[in-house]
Amino acid sequence: MTRTEKLNMLFGEDYELIDLFPRPEGEGCAEFFCQAEQYFLQERQLSAFCDRVVSLVVKLLCYYPFEMYVQEYSPLRTQRCGWLKDKRCEMAVKIIRRVIMKKKGQVDILLGKENTIVSIVGGTLSIAVYHPSESVSSLLDRLVDAEGLYRRRYFV
C-alpha cells in the first residue's frame, strides 16, 4: 500500500481533536462561542496557539518515523503540494507555522509504523489525530496536558 493510499484509508477512521477548548460549545452559547473563536483567531492569540501546536508536534515527531503531506493554497507566494522531502525540524516548524498563521492550507503527518495521522488545517483552533495507536495516545496524554490543550474523541 502506498503512503497516499494509507493516508486516505486512515482518514476514514475514528479521530480525536486536540483543541483549544475543552468541549464543544455549550447549549445556548453558540453566538458567544463563535465570538470567542474569532478572538482566538486574531494574530496575537493565534500565535500563542501556534506555539503550543508546534511544540506538541515537534515533540511527537521525535519519537516516530514520519512523512508529511503538505497542501498550501493561494494567496501564499510559493505554493507547495505533495510529500515533503526535507524533514528537518526547521522545515517542519516553518510549514506548520505558515499553515496556522496564514489560516490556509493543510499539513497531514503520517506516523507510518503507528498508522496514525496528525492533521493540521489552517483557520482552525484544533488539530485532528486519526487512528491514534496506543503508543501515540499515551504520549499525547502527556503532551496535550503540558501544552494546556484538550482532547476529545469522535467516532465516524
C-alpha atoms as a PDB file:
ATOM      1  CA  MET A   1       0.000   0.000   0.000  1.00  0.00           C
ATOM      2  CA  THR A   2       1.403   3.413  -0.926  1.00  0.00           C
ATOM      3  CA  ARG A   3       1.642   6.168   1.671  1.00  0.00           C
ATOM      4  CA  THR A   4      -1.090   8.136  -0.142  1.00  0.00           C
ATOM      5  CA  GLU A   5      -3.433   5.124  -0.052  1.00  0.00           C
ATOM      6  CA  LYS A   6      -2.637   4.632   3.631  1.00  0.00           C
ATOM      7  CA  LEU A   7      -3.358   8.320   4.302  1.00  0.00           C
ATOM      8  CA  ASN A   8      -6.724   8.117   2.514  1.00  0.00           C
ATOM      9  CA  MET A   9      -7.695   4.922   4.354  1.00  0.00           C
ATOM     10  CA  LEU A  10      -6.839   6.318   7.798  1.00  0.00           C
ATOM     11  CA  PHE A  11      -8.891   9.485   7.219  1.00  0.00           C
ATOM     12  CA  GLY A  12     -11.990   7.266   7.347  1.00  0.00           C
ATOM     13  CA  GLU A  13     -11.181   6.131  10.905  1.00  0.00           C
ATOM     14  CA  ASP A  14     -12.327   7.489  14.267  1.00  0.00           C
ATOM     15  CA  TYR A  15     -10.342  10.503  15.347  1.00  0.00           C
ATOM     16  CA  GLU A  16      -9.507  12.805  18.219  1.00  0.00           C
ATOM     17  CA  LEU A  17      -9.346  16.568  18.304  1.00  0.00           C
ATOM     18  CA  ILE A  18      -6.624  18.347  20.189  1.00  0.00           C
ATOM     19  CA  ASP A  19      -8.335  21.631  20.822  1.00  0.00           C
ATOM     20  CA  LEU A  20      -8.031  24.994  22.488  1.00  0.00           C
ATOM     21  CA  PHE A  21     -11.453  24.426  24.068  1.00  0.00           C
ATOM     22  CA  PRO A  22     -12.177  21.557  26.497  1.00  0.00           C
ATOM     23  CA  ARG A  23     -15.502  20.697  24.803  1.00  0.00           C
ATOM     24  CA  PRO A  24     -17.836  21.893  22.035  1.00  0.00           C
ATOM     25  CA  GLU A  25     -19.955  24.964  22.680  1.00  0.00           C
ATOM     26  CA  GLY A  26     -22.475  24.835  25.486  1.00  0.00           C
ATOM     27  CA  GLU A  27     -26.218  24.874  24.972  1.00  0.00           C
ATOM     28  CA  GLY A  28     -27.424  28.417  24.300  1.00  0.00           C
ATOM     29  CA  CYS A  29     -23.847  29.740  23.969  1.00  0.00           C
ATOM     30  CA  ALA A  30     -23.269  29.296  20.227  1.00  0.00           C
ATOM     31  CA  GLU A  31     -23.086  33.016  19.432  1.00  0.00           C
ATOM     32  CA  PHE A  32     -20.622  33.773  22.235  1.00  0.00           C
ATOM     33  CA  PHE A  33     -18.613  30.648  21.358  1.00  0.00           C
ATOM     34  CA  CYS A  34     -18.253  31.894  17.746  1.00  0.00           C
ATOM     35  CA  GLN A  35     -17.152  35.301  19.023  1.00  0.00           C
ATOM     36  CA  ALA A  36     -14.595  33.638  21.306  1.00  0.00           C
ATOM     37  CA  GLU A  37     -13.250  31.597  18.378  1.00  0.00           C
ATOM     38  CA  GLN A  38     -12.850  34.787  16.345  1.00  0.00           C
ATOM     39  CA  TYR A  39     -10.997  36.364  19.269  1.00  0.00           C
ATOM     40  CA  PHE A  40      -8.562  33.428  19.430  1.00  0.00           C
ATOM     41  CA  LEU A  41      -8.050  33.574  15.649  1.00  0.00           C
ATOM     42  CA  GLN A  42      -6.631  37.103  15.938  1.00  0.00           C
ATOM     43  CA  GLU A  43      -2.892  37.265  15.285  1.00  0.00           C
ATOM     44  CA  ARG A  44      -1.636  37.564  18.862  1.00  0.00           C
ATOM     45  CA  GLN A  45      -3.836  34.802  20.291  1.00  0.00           C
ATOM     46  CA  LEU A  46      -3.363  32.627  17.188  1.00  0.00           C
ATOM     47  CA  SER A  47       0.399  32.950  17.581  1.00  0.00           C
ATOM     48  CA  ALA A  48       0.184  31.605  21.152  1.00  0.00           C
ATOM     49  CA  PHE A  49      -1.942  28.664  19.935  1.00  0.00           C
ATOM     50  CA  CYS A  50       0.517  28.078  17.098  1.00  0.00           C
ATOM     51  CA  ASP A  51       3.414  27.922  19.580  1.00  0.00           C
ATOM     52  CA  ARG A  52       1.575  25.242  21.557  1.00  0.00           C
ATOM     53  CA  VAL A  53       0.803  23.158  18.473  1.00  0.00           C
ATOM     54  CA  VAL A  54       4.342  23.421  17.103  1.00  0.00           C
ATOM     55  CA  SER A  55       5.783  22.393  20.467  1.00  0.00           C
ATOM     56  CA  LEU A  56       3.439  19.415  20.740  1.00  0.00           C
ATOM     57  CA  VAL A  57       4.021  18.200  17.165  1.00  0.00           C
ATOM     58  CA  VAL A  58       7.804  18.625  17.236  1.00  0.00           C
ATOM     59  CA  LYS A  59       7.999  16.624  20.476  1.00  0.00           C
ATOM     60  CA  LEU A  60       5.738  13.925  18.995  1.00  0.00           C
ATOM     61  CA  LEU A  61       7.886  13.671  15.857  1.00  0.00           C
ATOM     62  CA  CYS A  62      10.967  13.000  17.982  1.00  0.00           C
ATOM     63  CA  TYR A  63       9.585   9.525  18.733  1.00  0.00           C
ATOM     64  CA  TYR A  64       8.161   8.218  15.437  1.00  0.00           C
ATOM     65  CA  PRO A  65       9.322   7.997  11.815  1.00  0.00           C
ATOM     66  CA  PHE A  66       7.031  10.260   9.802  1.00  0.00           C
ATOM     67  CA  GLU A  67       6.050  11.535   6.372  1.00  0.00           C
ATOM     68  CA  MET A  68       4.472  14.962   5.807  1.00  0.00           C
ATOM     69  CA  TYR A  69       1.947  15.737   3.089  1.00  0.00           C
ATOM     70  CA  VAL A  70       1.619  19.482   2.529  1.00  0.00           C
ATOM     71  CA  GLN A  71      -1.192  21.352   0.769  1.00  0.00           C
ATOM     72  CA  GLU A  72      -0.736  25.105   0.627  1.00  0.00           C
ATOM     73  CA  TYR A  73      -3.283  27.285  -1.097  1.00  0.00           C
ATOM     74  CA  SER A  74      -3.423  30.755  -2.618  1.00  0.00           C
ATOM     75  CA  PRO A  75      -2.595  33.521  -1.793  1.00  0.00           C
ATOM     76  CA  LEU A  76       0.652  32.045  -0.424  1.00  0.00           C
ATOM     77  CA  ARG A  77       3.604  33.214  -2.528  1.00  0.00           C
ATOM     78  CA  THR A  78       5.158  29.845  -3.170  1.00  0.00           C
ATOM     79  CA  GLN A  79       2.551  27.128  -3.128  1.00  0.00           C
ATOM     80  CA  ARG A  80       3.614  23.649  -2.144  1.00  0.00           C
ATOM     81  CA  CYS A  81       1.668  20.453  -2.559  1.00  0.00           C
ATOM     82  CA  GLY A  82       2.856  16.910  -2.036  1.00  0.00           C
ATOM     83  CA  TRP A  83       5.069  14.762   0.152  1.00  0.00           C
ATOM     84  CA  LEU A  84       7.779  16.774   1.864  1.00  0.00           C
ATOM     85  CA  LYS A  85      11.296  15.585   1.111  1.00  0.00           C
ATOM     86  CA  ASP A  86      13.046  17.926   3.565  1.00  0.00           C
ATOM     87  CA  LYS A  87      12.131  16.547   7.007  1.00  0.00           C
ATOM     88  CA  ARG A  88      14.401  18.726   9.104  1.00  0.00           C
ATOM     89  CA  CYS A  89      12.863  20.152  12.257  1.00  0.00           C
ATOM     90  CA  GLU A  90      13.287  23.696  10.958  1.00  0.00           C
ATOM     91  CA  MET A  91      11.305  22.917   7.789  1.00  0.00           C
ATOM     92  CA  ALA A  92       8.502  21.115   9.652  1.00  0.00           C
ATOM     93  CA  VAL A  93       8.157  24.055  12.058  1.00  0.00           C
ATOM     94  CA  LYS A  94       8.154  26.577   9.204  1.00  0.00           C
ATOM     95  CA  ILE A  95       5.386  24.758   7.320  1.00  0.00           C
ATOM     96  CA  ILE A  96       3.190  24.159  10.387  1.00  0.00           C
ATOM     97  CA  ARG A  97       3.544  27.829  11.436  1.00  0.00           C
ATOM     98  CA  ARG A  98       2.745  29.022   7.945  1.00  0.00           C
ATOM     99  CA  VAL A  99      -0.441  26.935   7.668  1.00  0.00           C
ATOM    100  CA  ILE A 100      -1.688  28.017  11.111  1.00  0.00           C
ATOM    101  CA  MET A 101      -0.757  31.704  10.924  1.00  0.00           C
ATOM    102  CA  LYS A 102      -1.854  32.255   7.295  1.00  0.00           C
ATOM    103  CA  LYS A 103      -5.069  30.301   8.049  1.00  0.00           C
ATOM    104  CA  LYS A 104      -4.613  28.493   4.724  1.00  0.00           C
ATOM    105  CA  GLY A 105      -3.601  25.023   3.671  1.00  0.00           C
ATOM    106  CA  GLN A 106      -3.185  21.735   5.434  1.00  0.00           C
ATOM    107  CA  VAL A 107      -0.392  19.517   6.749  1.00  0.00           C
ATOM    108  CA  ASP A 108      -1.007  15.799   7.221  1.00  0.00           C
ATOM    109  CA  ILE A 109       1.665  13.923   9.146  1.00  0.00           C
ATOM    110  CA  LEU A 110       1.663  10.169   8.708  1.00  0.00           C
ATOM    111  CA  LEU A 111       3.284   8.252  11.547  1.00  0.00           C
ATOM    112  CA  GLY A 112       3.704   5.225   9.300  1.00  0.00           C
ATOM    113  CA  LYS A 113       4.530   2.417  11.699  1.00  0.00           C
ATOM    114  CA  GLU A 114       1.810   3.613  14.078  1.00  0.00           C
ATOM    115  CA  ASN A 115      -0.828   4.004  11.319  1.00  0.00           C
ATOM    116  CA  THR A 116      -1.683   7.409  12.780  1.00  0.00           C
ATOM    117  CA  ILE A 117      -2.290  10.749  11.053  1.00  0.00           C
ATOM    118  CA  VAL A 118      -1.877  14.162  12.661  1.00  0.00           C
ATOM    119  CA  SER A 119      -3.758  16.705  10.544  1.00  0.00           C
ATOM    120  CA  ILE A 120      -3.355  20.472  10.881  1.00  0.00           C
ATOM    121  CA  VAL A 121      -5.754  22.664   8.898  1.00  0.00           C
ATOM    122  CA  GLY A 122      -5.297  26.422   8.608  1.00  0.00           C
ATOM    123  CA  GLY A 123      -8.071  28.566  10.067  1.00  0.00           C
ATOM    124  CA  THR A 124      -8.981  26.164  12.877  1.00  0.00           C
ATOM    125  CA  LEU A 125      -8.159  26.082  16.582  1.00  0.00           C
ATOM    126  CA  SER A 126      -7.621  22.337  16.744  1.00  0.00           C
ATOM    127  CA  ILE A 127      -5.642  19.530  15.196  1.00  0.00           C
ATOM    128  CA  ALA A 128      -7.059  16.126  14.340  1.00  0.00           C
ATOM    129  CA  VAL A 129      -5.404  12.823  15.178  1.00  0.00           C
ATOM    130  CA  TYR A 130      -6.742   9.891  13.165  1.00  0.00           C
ATOM    131  CA  HIS A 131      -6.404   6.328  14.418  1.00  0.00           C
ATOM    132  CA  PRO A 132      -4.001   7.057  17.302  1.00  0.00           C
ATOM    133  CA  SER A 133      -2.077   3.938  18.298  1.00  0.00           C
ATOM    134  CA  GLU A 134      -1.738   3.076  21.983  1.00  0.00           C
ATOM    135  CA  SER A 135       1.807   4.397  21.985  1.00  0.00           C
ATOM    136  CA  VAL A 136       0.850   7.695  20.315  1.00  0.00           C
ATOM    137  CA  SER A 137      -2.184   8.079  22.563  1.00  0.00           C
ATOM    138  CA  SER A 138      -0.107   7.579  25.694  1.00  0.00           C
ATOM    139  CA  LEU A 139       2.441  10.185  24.611  1.00  0.00           C
ATOM    140  CA  LEU A 140      -0.306  12.616  23.559  1.00  0.00           C
ATOM    141  CA  ASP A 141      -1.832  12.379  27.048  1.00  0.00           C
ATOM    142  CA  ARG A 142       1.320  13.956  28.448  1.00  0.00           C
ATOM    143  CA  LEU A 143       2.000  16.391  25.601  1.00  0.00           C
ATOM    144  CA  VAL A 144      -1.551  17.775  25.449  1.00  0.00           C
ATOM    145  CA  ASP A 145      -1.553  18.417  29.209  1.00  0.00           C
ATOM    146  CA  ALA A 146       1.884  20.044  29.045  1.00  0.00           C
ATOM    147  CA  GLU A 147       0.700  22.460  26.330  1.00  0.00           C
ATOM    148  CA  GLY A 148      -2.553  23.371  28.095  1.00  0.00           C
ATOM    149  CA  LEU A 149      -4.744  21.893  25.364  1.00  0.00           C
ATOM    150  CA  TYR A 150      -7.626  19.384  25.452  1.00  0.00           C
ATOM    151  CA  ARG A 151      -8.514  16.098  23.730  1.00  0.00           C
ATOM    152  CA  ARG A 152     -11.915  14.893  22.550  1.00  0.00           C
ATOM    153  CA  ARG A 153     -12.771  11.656  20.741  1.00  0.00           C
ATOM    154  CA  TYR A 154     -15.070  11.495  17.696  1.00  0.00           C
ATOM    155  CA  PHE A 155     -16.488   8.394  16.049  1.00  0.00           C
ATOM    156  CA  VAL A 156     -17.017   8.098  12.286  1.00  0.00           C
END
